[in-house]
Amino acid sequence: MPFNQVDSLRYYTFDIFDQIALTHAVFTRHGGYSPEPWDSLNMGSVVGDDIQRVNANRERAFRSVGRDPASMYDVWQMHTAKVVCTDAPRPAHIPHIKADAILTDSPDVTLFMRFADCVPILLHDPIRRVVGLVHAGWQGTVWNVVAAALETMTQRYSSQPAHIRAGIGPSIGLHHYEVGDEVVAQVRQLFDNDDVADDLLPKQNGVVKFDLWNANRLLLADAGVSDIQIAGLCTACHLDDWYSHRAENGKTGRFGALIGLNAHK
């Protein structure tokens, strides 16, 4: 089953990933300490919640999957295509680097990001033993942040895209994601095939929607990744499990996603 339960904490996992080689989780909003409107496992520190509760939520989430909270490496997510590689956790006193994709080949590091509609994309190269975590909203998608992450995996770690597995996590679905002319123009520029762009930008009830899931699937496939799994869970549809910036009018929290290599046994 894709959902796992540890006490009151609930999280999603992909079955394409080797559970012995790595640990990963996309946490729902259940099992934390935050009150409304962030109830309850809010991982976001800039949404108005108390930072002590946020830190307690993060620590509880990490420990629930057997990862040391001190192993965390996270970034200040900016809707860019910037990629950061790390071989060590980020000490709490060191400021965040601004980026939207993070990579590591160290089992001592747990990559961590926060979401509330944007697409979490988890990456694993089982041959070179590399993991990655990508944040892709519409801006990251049109900037092709996944291709930037894959290119860095190739250059830095000698990964081959054909060996990489990718999981596209819970995020806002097509039917809830209305976009304007600016987004439409940039999507059409990125996908210069009109038929492909039309499929990704259908008009429903007079408004244009954007299919973030399939857009990122196509970008991954174009870069050479063939083993791709889409969770197919819309954050705006399932507010019982996920935070949604759009569906909750910005008054909400952020759910966390993590991935880390396990040490060789």
C-alpha atoms as a PDB file:
ATOM      1  CA  MET A   1       0.000   0.000   0.000  1.00  0.00           C
ATOM      2  CA  PRO A   2       1.307   3.507  -0.781  1.00  0.00           C
ATOM      3  CA  PHE A   3       0.254   4.902   2.619  1.00  0.00           C
ATOM      4  CA  ASN A   4       2.068   4.024   5.810  1.00  0.00           C
ATOM      5  CA  GLN A   5       1.018   4.714   9.388  1.00  0.00           C
ATOM      6  CA  VAL A   6       3.225   5.318  12.436  1.00  0.00           C
ATOM      7  CA  ASP A   7       0.968   6.088  15.386  1.00  0.00           C
ATOM      8  CA  SER A   8      -1.097   9.079  14.160  1.00  0.00           C
ATOM      9  CA  LEU A   9       1.458  10.076  11.521  1.00  0.00           C
ATOM     10  CA  ARG A  10       0.638   9.055   7.939  1.00  0.00           C
ATOM     11  CA  TYR A  11       2.862   9.219   4.858  1.00  0.00           C
ATOM     12  CA  TYR A  12       3.000   8.181   1.211  1.00  0.00           C
ATOM     13  CA  THR A  13       5.721   6.083  -0.454  1.00  0.00           C
ATOM     14  CA  PHE A  14       6.425   5.008  -4.035  1.00  0.00           C
ATOM     15  CA  ASP A  15       6.717   1.307  -4.795  1.00  0.00           C
ATOM     16  CA  ILE A  16       9.297   1.911  -7.566  1.00  0.00           C
ATOM     17  CA  PHE A  17      11.974   2.739  -4.999  1.00  0.00           C
ATOM     18  CA  ASP A  18      14.110   0.090  -3.311  1.00  0.00           C
ATOM     19  CA  GLN A  19      13.109   0.319   0.335  1.00  0.00           C
ATOM     20  CA  ILE A  20      16.363  -1.333   1.416  1.00  0.00           C
ATOM     21  CA  ALA A  21      18.581   1.079  -0.502  1.00  0.00           C
ATOM     22  CA  LEU A  22      16.822   4.266   0.566  1.00  0.00           C
ATOM     23  CA  THR A  23      14.252   5.826   2.863  1.00  0.00           C
ATOM     24  CA  HIS A  24      11.674   8.214   1.502  1.00  0.00           C
ATOM     25  CA  ALA A  25       8.333   9.663   2.542  1.00  0.00           C
ATOM     26  CA  VAL A  26       5.820  12.293   1.503  1.00  0.00           C
ATOM     27  CA  PHE A  27       4.080  13.186   4.747  1.00  0.00           C
ATOM     28  CA  THR A  28       0.392  13.986   4.994  1.00  0.00           C
ATOM     29  CA  ARG A  29      -0.855  16.663   7.357  1.00  0.00           C
ATOM     30  CA  HIS A  30      -1.623  14.105  10.082  1.00  0.00           C
ATOM     31  CA  GLY A  31       0.233  13.411  13.295  1.00  0.00           C
ATOM     32  CA  GLY A  32       1.759  16.732  14.293  1.00  0.00           C
ATOM     33  CA  TYR A  33       1.470  19.449  16.923  1.00  0.00           C
ATOM     34  CA  SER A  34       0.151  22.472  14.990  1.00  0.00           C
ATOM     35  CA  PRO A  35      -3.358  23.925  15.526  1.00  0.00           C
ATOM     36  CA  GLU A  36      -5.683  25.253  12.827  1.00  0.00           C
ATOM     37  CA  PRO A  37      -5.211  26.437  10.110  1.00  0.00           C
ATOM     38  CA  TRP A  38      -1.944  24.448   9.982  1.00  0.00           C
ATOM     39  CA  ASP A  39      -3.297  21.307  11.541  1.00  0.00           C
ATOM     40  CA  SER A  40      -1.382  19.314  12.233  1.00  0.00           C
ATOM     41  CA  LEU A  41       1.977  18.162  10.758  1.00  0.00           C
ATOM     42  CA  ASN A  42       2.947  21.545   9.304  1.00  0.00           C
ATOM     43  CA  MET A  43       6.576  21.629   8.122  1.00  0.00           C
ATOM     44  CA  GLY A  44       6.553  25.228   6.849  1.00  0.00           C
ATOM     45  CA  SER A  45       8.339  27.858   8.939  1.00  0.00           C
ATOM     46  CA  VAL A  46       7.107  30.965   7.081  1.00  0.00           C
ATOM     47  CA  VAL A  47       3.336  30.423   7.099  1.00  0.00           C
ATOM     48  CA  GLY A  48       2.606  31.884  10.543  1.00  0.00           C
ATOM     49  CA  ASP A  49       2.949  28.755  12.650  1.00  0.00           C
ATOM     50  CA  ASP A  50       5.128  28.741  15.763  1.00  0.00           C
ATOM     51  CA  ILE A  51       8.689  27.684  14.872  1.00  0.00           C
ATOM     52  CA  GLN A  52       8.961  25.423  17.911  1.00  0.00           C
ATOM     53  CA  ARG A  53       5.922  23.457  16.734  1.00  0.00           C
ATOM     54  CA  VAL A  54       7.330  23.313  13.197  1.00  0.00           C
ATOM     55  CA  ASN A  55      10.640  21.958  14.464  1.00  0.00           C
ATOM     56  CA  ALA A  56       8.838  19.421  16.639  1.00  0.00           C
ATOM     57  CA  ASN A  57       6.796  18.303  13.622  1.00  0.00           C
ATOM     58  CA  ARG A  58       9.923  17.873  11.509  1.00  0.00           C
ATOM     59  CA  GLU A  59      11.688  15.935  14.231  1.00  0.00           C
ATOM     60  CA  ARG A  60       8.704  13.640  14.719  1.00  0.00           C
ATOM     61  CA  ALA A  61       8.448  13.010  10.973  1.00  0.00           C
ATOM     62  CA  PHE A  62      12.132  12.189  10.602  1.00  0.00           C
ATOM     63  CA  ARG A  63      12.162   9.838  13.571  1.00  0.00           C
ATOM     64  CA  SER A  64       9.013   8.068  12.337  1.00  0.00           C
ATOM     65  CA  VAL A  65      10.960   6.773   9.305  1.00  0.00           C
ATOM     66  CA  GLY A  66      14.221   6.146  11.151  1.00  0.00           C
ATOM     67  CA  ARG A  67      16.143   9.229   9.972  1.00  0.00           C
ATOM     68  CA  ASP A  68      18.121  11.451  12.317  1.00  0.00           C
ATOM     69  CA  PRO A  69      16.710  15.024  12.261  1.00  0.00           C
ATOM     70  CA  ALA A  70      20.318  16.257  12.394  1.00  0.00           C
ATOM     71  CA  SER A  71      20.870  14.672   8.954  1.00  0.00           C
ATOM     72  CA  MET A  72      18.521  17.186   7.285  1.00  0.00           C
ATOM     73  CA  TYR A  73      19.604  19.221   4.286  1.00  0.00           C
ATOM     74  CA  ASP A  74      17.027  21.708   3.033  1.00  0.00           C
ATOM     75  CA  VAL A  75      17.017  24.864   0.918  1.00  0.00           C
ATOM     76  CA  TRP A  76      15.063  28.088   0.499  1.00  0.00           C
ATOM     77  CA  GLN A  77      12.708  27.152  -2.337  1.00  0.00           C
ATOM     78  CA  MET A  78      12.409  29.941  -4.920  1.00  0.00           C
ATOM     79  CA  HIS A  79      10.672  28.482  -8.026  1.00  0.00           C
ATOM     80  CA  THR A  80      13.913  28.311 -10.021  1.00  0.00           C
ATOM     81  CA  ALA A  81      15.968  25.678 -11.844  1.00  0.00           C
ATOM     82  CA  LYS A  82      18.936  25.974  -9.481  1.00  0.00           C
ATOM     83  CA  VAL A  83      20.434  22.671  -8.309  1.00  0.00           C
ATOM     84  CA  VAL A  84      22.536  22.151  -5.179  1.00  0.00           C
ATOM     85  CA  CYS A  85      24.692  19.112  -4.380  1.00  0.00           C
ATOM     86  CA  THR A  86      25.631  18.309  -0.816  1.00  0.00           C
ATOM     87  CA  ASP A  87      27.648  15.704   1.060  1.00  0.00           C
ATOM     88  CA  ALA A  88      26.758  16.954   4.539  1.00  0.00           C
ATOM     89  CA  PRO A  89      23.647  18.093   6.439  1.00  0.00           C
ATOM     90  CA  ARG A  90      22.901  21.794   6.792  1.00  0.00           C
ATOM     91  CA  PRO A  91      23.800  22.989  10.308  1.00  0.00           C
ATOM     92  CA  ALA A  92      20.965  24.936  11.889  1.00  0.00           C
ATOM     93  CA  HIS A  93      23.062  28.109  12.168  1.00  0.00           C
ATOM     94  CA  ILE A  94      23.974  28.143   8.455  1.00  0.00           C
ATOM     95  CA  PRO A  95      21.539  30.110   6.245  1.00  0.00           C
ATOM     96  CA  HIS A  96      19.606  28.271   3.554  1.00  0.00           C
ATOM     97  CA  ILE A  97      20.892  28.269  -0.006  1.00  0.00           C
ATOM     98  CA  LYS A  98      18.245  29.323  -2.525  1.00  0.00           C
ATOM     99  CA  ALA A  99      17.498  26.389  -4.842  1.00  0.00           C
ATOM    100  CA  ASP A 100      14.746  24.041  -6.027  1.00  0.00           C
ATOM    101  CA  ALA A 101      16.604  20.768  -6.539  1.00  0.00           C
ATOM    102  CA  ILE A 102      18.979  19.040  -4.139  1.00  0.00           C
ATOM    103  CA  LEU A 103      21.157  15.979  -4.684  1.00  0.00           C
ATOM    104  CA  THR A 104      23.418  13.794  -2.560  1.00  0.00           C
ATOM    105  CA  ASP A 105      25.334  10.531  -2.647  1.00  0.00           C
ATOM    106  CA  SER A 106      25.921  10.500   1.117  1.00  0.00           C
ATOM    107  CA  PRO A 107      23.909   8.241   3.454  1.00  0.00           C
ATOM    108  CA  ASP A 108      24.597  10.814   6.176  1.00  0.00           C
ATOM    109  CA  VAL A 109      22.247  13.298   4.480  1.00  0.00           C
ATOM    110  CA  THR A 110      18.463  13.360   4.335  1.00  0.00           C
ATOM    111  CA  LEU A 111      17.125  15.719   1.661  1.00  0.00           C
ATOM    112  CA  PHE A 112      14.015  17.607   2.734  1.00  0.00           C
ATOM    113  CA  MET A 113      11.530  20.013   1.094  1.00  0.00           C
ATOM    114  CA  ARG A 114       8.097  21.504   1.780  1.00  0.00           C
ATOM    115  CA  PHE A 115       5.017  21.645  -0.470  1.00  0.00           C
ATOM    116  CA  ALA A 116       1.406  22.841  -0.715  1.00  0.00           C
ATOM    117  CA  ASP A 117       0.351  22.246  -4.369  1.00  0.00           C
ATOM    118  CA  CYS A 118       3.724  22.311  -6.170  1.00  0.00           C
ATOM    119  CA  VAL A 119       5.082  18.990  -7.394  1.00  0.00           C
ATOM    120  CA  PRO A 120       7.524  16.958  -5.291  1.00  0.00           C
ATOM    121  CA  ILE A 121       9.752  14.890  -7.577  1.00  0.00           C
ATOM    122  CA  LEU A 122      11.898  12.227  -5.947  1.00  0.00           C
ATOM    123  CA  LEU A 123      14.865  10.750  -7.821  1.00  0.00           C
ATOM    124  CA  HIS A 124      17.036   7.695  -7.241  1.00  0.00           C
ATOM    125  CA  ASP A 125      19.950   6.271  -9.188  1.00  0.00           C
ATOM    126  CA  PRO A 126      20.485   2.791  -7.715  1.00  0.00           C
ATOM    127  CA  ILE A 127      23.666   2.231  -9.751  1.00  0.00           C
ATOM    128  CA  ARG A 128      25.615   5.330  -8.678  1.00  0.00           C
ATOM    129  CA  ARG A 129      23.725   5.517  -5.351  1.00  0.00           C
ATOM    130  CA  VAL A 130      22.450   9.060  -5.693  1.00  0.00           C
ATOM    131  CA  VAL A 131      19.154  10.571  -4.557  1.00  0.00           C
ATOM    132  CA  GLY A 132      17.474  13.842  -5.426  1.00  0.00           C
ATOM    133  CA  LEU A 133      14.504  15.946  -4.432  1.00  0.00           C
ATOM    134  CA  VAL A 134      12.934  18.549  -6.733  1.00  0.00           C
ATOM    135  CA  HIS A 135      10.338  21.292  -6.188  1.00  0.00           C
ATOM    136  CA  ALA A 136       8.373  22.028  -9.374  1.00  0.00           C
ATOM    137  CA  GLY A 137       5.512  24.498  -9.476  1.00  0.00           C
ATOM    138  CA  TRP A 138       4.553  25.992 -12.817  1.00  0.00           C
ATOM    139  CA  GLN A 139       7.675  28.175 -12.804  1.00  0.00           C
ATOM    140  CA  GLY A 140      10.013  25.314 -11.971  1.00  0.00           C
ATOM    141  CA  THR A 141       8.288  23.227 -14.604  1.00  0.00           C
ATOM    142  CA  VAL A 142       8.692  25.786 -17.398  1.00  0.00           C
ATOM    143  CA  TRP A 143      12.285  26.386 -16.272  1.00  0.00           C
ATOM    144  CA  ASN A 144      12.690  22.569 -16.570  1.00  0.00           C
ATOM    145  CA  VAL A 145      14.148  22.091 -13.123  1.00  0.00           C
ATOM    146  CA  VAL A 146      13.941  18.299 -13.490  1.00  0.00           C
ATOM    147  CA  ALA A 147      16.225  18.389 -16.535  1.00  0.00           C
ATOM    148  CA  ALA A 148      18.658  20.596 -14.606  1.00  0.00           C
ATOM    149  CA  ALA A 149      18.679  18.058 -11.753  1.00  0.00           C
ATOM    150  CA  LEU A 150      19.257  15.154 -14.142  1.00  0.00           C
ATOM    151  CA  GLU A 151      22.036  17.000 -15.960  1.00  0.00           C
ATOM    152  CA  THR A 152      23.765  17.659 -12.640  1.00  0.00           C
ATOM    153  CA  MET A 153      23.381  14.002 -11.632  1.00  0.00           C
ATOM    154  CA  THR A 154      25.085  13.068 -14.901  1.00  0.00           C
ATOM    155  CA  GLN A 155      27.904  15.572 -14.588  1.00  0.00           C
ATOM    156  CA  ARG A 156      28.574  15.337 -10.850  1.00  0.00           C
ATOM    157  CA  TYR A 157      27.842  11.677 -10.115  1.00  0.00           C
ATOM    158  CA  SER A 158      28.184  10.007 -13.560  1.00  0.00           C
ATOM    159  CA  SER A 159      24.542   8.912 -13.456  1.00  0.00           C
ATOM    160  CA  GLN A 160      22.832   7.679 -16.591  1.00  0.00           C
ATOM    161  CA  PRO A 161      19.207   8.848 -16.963  1.00  0.00           C
ATOM    162  CA  ALA A 162      18.141   5.368 -18.069  1.00  0.00           C
ATOM    163  CA  HIS A 163      19.089   4.082 -14.608  1.00  0.00           C
ATOM    164  CA  ILE A 164      17.219   6.776 -12.674  1.00  0.00           C
ATOM    165  CA  ARG A 165      13.812   6.189 -11.115  1.00  0.00           C
ATOM    166  CA  ALA A 166      11.453   9.101 -10.540  1.00  0.00           C
ATOM    167  CA  GLY A 167       8.383   9.558  -8.363  1.00  0.00           C
ATOM    168  CA  ILE A 168       5.990  12.462  -9.018  1.00  0.00           C
ATOM    169  CA  GLY A 169       4.291  13.103  -5.709  1.00  0.00           C
ATOM    170  CA  PRO A 170       0.987  14.487  -4.445  1.00  0.00           C
ATOM    171  CA  SER A 171       0.331  17.968  -5.857  1.00  0.00           C
ATOM    172  CA  ILE A 172      -2.424  20.009  -7.444  1.00  0.00           C
ATOM    173  CA  GLY A 173      -4.247  18.140 -10.209  1.00  0.00           C
ATOM    174  CA  LEU A 174      -5.187  19.348 -13.669  1.00  0.00           C
ATOM    175  CA  HIS A 175      -8.855  19.931 -12.853  1.00  0.00           C
ATOM    176  CA  HIS A 176      -7.986  22.384 -10.048  1.00  0.00           C
ATOM    177  CA  TYR A 177      -5.092  24.216 -11.667  1.00  0.00           C
ATOM    178  CA  GLU A 178      -6.332  27.197 -13.651  1.00  0.00           C
ATOM    179  CA  VAL A 179      -3.610  29.275 -15.342  1.00  0.00           C
ATOM    180  CA  GLY A 180      -3.439  32.553 -17.229  1.00  0.00           C
ATOM    181  CA  ASP A 181      -1.944  33.712 -20.493  1.00  0.00           C
ATOM    182  CA  GLU A 182       1.572  34.134 -19.063  1.00  0.00           C
ATOM    183  CA  VAL A 183       1.753  30.493 -18.047  1.00  0.00           C
ATOM    184  CA  VAL A 184       0.179  29.298 -21.287  1.00  0.00           C
ATOM    185  CA  ALA A 185       2.760  31.180 -23.359  1.00  0.00           C
ATOM    186  CA  GLN A 186       5.696  29.752 -21.430  1.00  0.00           C
ATOM    187  CA  VAL A 187       4.348  26.201 -21.517  1.00  0.00           C
ATOM    188  CA  ARG A 188       3.878  26.453 -25.285  1.00  0.00           C
ATOM    189  CA  GLN A 189       7.408  27.764 -25.652  1.00  0.00           C
ATOM    190  CA  LEU A 190       8.815  24.835 -23.665  1.00  0.00           C
ATOM    191  CA  PHE A 191       6.693  22.204 -25.416  1.00  0.00           C
ATOM    192  CA  ASP A 192       6.945  23.447 -28.979  1.00  0.00           C
ATOM    193  CA  ASN A 193       4.766  20.605 -30.268  1.00  0.00           C
ATOM    194  CA  ASP A 194       1.264  22.083 -30.481  1.00  0.00           C
ATOM    195  CA  ASP A 195      -0.461  18.742 -29.915  1.00  0.00           C
ATOM    196  CA  VAL A 196       1.539  18.100 -26.749  1.00  0.00           C
ATOM    197  CA  ALA A 197       0.922  21.626 -25.491  1.00  0.00           C
ATOM    198  CA  ASP A 198      -2.807  21.306 -26.212  1.00  0.00           C
ATOM    199  CA  ASP A 199      -2.945  18.116 -24.149  1.00  0.00           C
ATOM    200  CA  LEU A 200      -1.172  19.807 -21.235  1.00  0.00           C
ATOM    201  CA  LEU A 201      -3.329  22.958 -21.442  1.00  0.00           C
ATOM    202  CA  PRO A 202      -6.925  21.844 -21.975  1.00  0.00           C
ATOM    203  CA  LYS A 203      -9.703  24.408 -21.747  1.00  0.00           C
ATOM    204  CA  GLN A 204     -12.439  23.398 -19.334  1.00  0.00           C
ATOM    205  CA  ASN A 205     -15.558  25.510 -18.732  1.00  0.00           C
ATOM    206  CA  GLY A 206     -13.936  28.460 -20.460  1.00  0.00           C
ATOM    207  CA  VAL A 207     -10.672  28.438 -18.465  1.00  0.00           C
ATOM    208  CA  VAL A 208      -7.309  26.893 -19.261  1.00  0.00           C
ATOM    209  CA  LYS A 209      -5.901  24.248 -16.919  1.00  0.00           C
ATOM    210  CA  PHE A 210      -2.291  23.055 -16.681  1.00  0.00           C
ATOM    211  CA  ASP A 211      -1.339  19.398 -16.185  1.00  0.00           C
ATOM    212  CA  LEU A 212       1.747  19.623 -13.972  1.00  0.00           C
ATOM    213  CA  TRP A 213       1.962  15.864 -13.507  1.00  0.00           C
ATOM    214  CA  ASN A 214       2.196  14.962 -17.178  1.00  0.00           C
ATOM    215  CA  ALA A 215       4.311  17.994 -18.009  1.00  0.00           C
ATOM    216  CA  ASN A 216       6.987  16.789 -15.609  1.00  0.00           C
ATOM    217  CA  ARG A 217       6.565  13.201 -16.757  1.00  0.00           C
ATOM    218  CA  LEU A 218       7.268  14.313 -20.328  1.00  0.00           C
ATOM    219  CA  LEU A 219      10.284  16.359 -19.243  1.00  0.00           C
ATOM    220  CA  LEU A 220      11.689  13.388 -17.349  1.00  0.00           C
ATOM    221  CA  ALA A 221      11.102  11.100 -20.326  1.00  0.00           C
ATOM    222  CA  ASP A 222      12.683  13.604 -22.717  1.00  0.00           C
ATOM    223  CA  ALA A 223      15.774  13.572 -20.510  1.00  0.00           C
ATOM    224  CA  GLY A 224      15.995   9.779 -20.727  1.00  0.00           C
ATOM    225  CA  VAL A 225      14.155   8.586 -17.604  1.00  0.00           C
ATOM    226  CA  SER A 226      11.758   5.748 -18.301  1.00  0.00           C
ATOM    227  CA  ASP A 227      10.894   4.433 -14.812  1.00  0.00           C
ATOM    228  CA  ILE A 228       8.417   7.084 -13.651  1.00  0.00           C
ATOM    229  CA  GLN A 229       5.563   6.750 -11.175  1.00  0.00           C
ATOM    230  CA  ILE A 230       2.863   9.395 -10.691  1.00  0.00           C
ATOM    231  CA  ALA A 231       1.111   9.339  -7.325  1.00  0.00           C
ATOM    232  CA  GLY A 232      -2.043  10.781  -8.901  1.00  0.00           C
ATOM    233  CA  LEU A 233      -3.123  12.453  -5.670  1.00  0.00           C
ATOM    234  CA  CYS A 234      -4.526  15.975  -5.964  1.00  0.00           C
ATOM    235  CA  THR A 235      -3.772  18.167  -2.963  1.00  0.00           C
ATOM    236  CA  ALA A 236      -6.781  20.402  -3.624  1.00  0.00           C
ATOM    237  CA  CYS A 237      -9.133  17.390  -3.758  1.00  0.00           C
ATOM    238  CA  HIS A 238      -7.889  15.748  -0.584  1.00  0.00           C
ATOM    239  CA  LEU A 239      -7.597  18.426   2.081  1.00  0.00           C
ATOM    240  CA  ASP A 240      -8.064  15.730   4.699  1.00  0.00           C
ATOM    241  CA  ASP A 241      -4.539  14.535   3.820  1.00  0.00           C
ATOM    242  CA  TRP A 242      -2.710  17.423   2.138  1.00  0.00           C
ATOM    243  CA  TYR A 243      -2.195  21.150   2.402  1.00  0.00           C
ATOM    244  CA  SER A 244      -3.300  23.140  -0.652  1.00  0.00           C
ATOM    245  CA  HIS A 245      -2.353  26.799  -1.042  1.00  0.00           C
ATOM    246  CA  ARG A 246      -5.040  27.326  -3.703  1.00  0.00           C
ATOM    247  CA  ALA A 247      -7.891  25.379  -2.153  1.00  0.00           C
ATOM    248  CA  GLU A 248      -7.295  26.897   1.289  1.00  0.00           C
ATOM    249  CA  ASN A 249      -6.746  30.463   0.012  1.00  0.00           C
ATOM    250  CA  GLY A 250      -3.184  30.605   1.300  1.00  0.00           C
ATOM    251  CA  LYS A 251      -4.171  29.973   4.936  1.00  0.00           C
ATOM    252  CA  THR A 252      -2.554  26.596   5.355  1.00  0.00           C
ATOM    253  CA  GLY A 253       0.645  24.748   6.143  1.00  0.00           C
ATOM    254  CA  ARG A 254       3.250  22.840   4.164  1.00  0.00           C
ATOM    255  CA  PHE A 255       3.676  19.082   3.984  1.00  0.00           C
ATOM    256  CA  GLY A 256       7.156  17.641   3.941  1.00  0.00           C
ATOM    257  CA  ALA A 257       8.940  15.218   1.640  1.00  0.00           C
ATOM    258  CA  LEU A 258      12.245  13.542   2.381  1.00  0.00           C
ATOM    259  CA  ILE A 259      14.612  11.093   0.767  1.00  0.00           C
ATOM    260  CA  GLY A 260      17.910   9.639   1.940  1.00  0.00           C
ATOM    261  CA  LEU A 261      20.229   6.767   1.129  1.00  0.00           C
ATOM    262  CA  ASN A 262      20.530   3.988   3.650  1.00  0.00           C
ATOM    263  CA  ALA A 263      23.983   2.914   4.730  1.00  0.00           C
ATOM    264  CA  HIS A 264      25.316  -0.330   3.238  1.00  0.00           C
ATOM    265  CA  LYS A 265      24.675  -3.268   5.539  1.00  0.00           C
END
